[in-house]
């Protein structure tokens, strides 16, 4: 049963990554993996500067929902990993 639990945890972590992938892709658009406070704020909540044409190229919308769902998947993976009963 430990293999099944490990498989479920791995699937939940993969789901967390793919759920948060749009937010991660938006945050890491700068060269050399530079993350700034501007990109974190703009990708999470949106920004008026982006609406006027200044800012991140290809930006479509704030991705706070993707980030929240990714965090929920990580919490679910932690709960499954710590569960005392067998699956």
Protein backbone atom coordinates (compact mmCIF):
# COMPACT_ATOMS: atom_id res chain seq x y z
CA UNK A 1 0.00 0.00 0.00
CA UNK A 2 2.95 2.34 0.42
CA UNK A 3 3.45 2.27 -3.33
CA UNK A 4 -0.13 3.41 -3.91
CA UNK A 5 0.31 6.27 -1.45
CA UNK A 6 3.56 7.30 -3.13
CA UNK A 7 1.82 7.22 -6.51
CA UNK A 8 -1.05 9.40 -5.28
CA UNK A 9 1.38 11.89 -3.76
CA UNK A 10 3.36 12.01 -7.01
CA UNK A 11 0.18 12.57 -9.03
CA UNK A 12 -0.96 15.35 -6.68
CA UNK A 13 2.42 17.08 -6.92
CA UNK A 14 2.33 16.82 -10.72
CA UNK A 15 -1.18 18.30 -10.69
CA UNK A 16 0.10 21.13 -8.48
CA UNK A 17 2.85 21.92 -10.95
CA UNK A 18 0.57 21.90 -13.98
CA UNK A 19 -2.10 23.95 -12.17
CA UNK A 20 0.45 26.63 -11.27
CA UNK A 21 2.34 26.43 -14.59
CA UNK A 22 0.72 29.56 -16.11
CA UNK A 23 1.70 31.60 -13.05
CA UNK A 24 5.21 30.14 -13.04
CA UNK A 25 5.59 30.87 -16.75
CA UNK A 26 4.48 34.45 -16.25
CA UNK A 27 6.82 35.06 -13.31
CA UNK A 28 9.93 33.67 -15.01
CA UNK A 29 9.82 35.57 -18.32
CA UNK A 30 12.96 37.57 -17.67
CA UNK A 31 16.38 36.27 -18.77
CA UNK A 32 18.59 34.50 -16.25
CA UNK A 33 15.60 33.60 -14.06
CA UNK A 34 15.33 37.06 -12.52
CA UNK A 35 12.15 37.39 -10.50
CA UNK A 36 11.25 40.90 -9.40
CA UNK A 37 8.55 42.28 -7.16
CA UNK A 38 6.91 43.80 -10.26
CA UNK A 39 6.55 40.44 -12.01
CA UNK A 40 5.27 38.72 -8.86
CA UNK A 41 2.64 41.43 -8.33
CA UNK A 42 1.67 41.67 -11.99
CA UNK A 43 1.36 37.93 -12.52
CA UNK A 44 -0.56 37.37 -9.31
CA UNK A 45 -2.89 40.38 -9.12
CA UNK A 46 -2.55 42.20 -12.44
CA UNK A 47 -1.20 45.69 -12.98
CA UNK A 48 -2.42 48.92 -14.56
CA UNK A 49 0.96 49.45 -16.23
CA UNK A 50 0.45 46.25 -18.20
CA UNK A 51 -2.87 47.49 -19.55
CA UNK A 52 -1.18 50.56 -21.01
CA UNK A 53 1.26 48.47 -23.02
CA UNK A 54 4.21 48.61 -20.63
CA UNK A 55 5.36 45.50 -18.83
CA UNK A 56 5.47 41.80 -19.54
CA UNK A 57 5.18 40.60 -23.14
CA UNK A 58 2.35 38.15 -23.77
CA UNK A 59 0.63 38.88 -20.47
CA UNK A 60 -3.07 38.05 -20.61
CA UNK A 61 -4.55 38.05 -17.11
CA UNK A 62 -3.72 37.74 -13.42
CA UNK A 63 -3.02 34.15 -12.46
CA UNK A 64 -3.83 34.18 -8.75
CA UNK A 65 -6.40 31.41 -9.22
CA UNK A 66 -3.81 29.09 -10.74
CA UNK A 67 -1.50 29.74 -7.80
CA UNK A 68 -4.25 29.01 -5.25
CA UNK A 69 -5.21 25.72 -6.93
CA UNK A 70 -1.54 24.68 -7.08
CA UNK A 71 -1.15 25.36 -3.36
CA UNK A 72 -4.29 23.35 -2.61
CA UNK A 73 -2.85 20.38 -4.53
CA UNK A 74 0.38 20.62 -2.51
CA UNK A 75 -1.60 20.68 0.74
CA UNK A 76 -3.57 17.63 -0.42
CA UNK A 77 -0.31 15.82 -1.22
CA UNK A 78 1.03 16.60 2.26
CA UNK A 79 -2.17 15.33 3.88
CA UNK A 80 -2.09 12.10 1.88
CA UNK A 81 1.58 11.55 2.70
CA UNK A 82 0.98 12.05 6.44
CA UNK A 83 -2.18 9.96 6.60
CA UNK A 84 -1.90 7.16 9.17
CA UNK A 85 -4.47 4.79 7.67
CA UNK A 86 -3.71 2.72 4.59
CA UNK A 87 -5.36 3.84 1.36
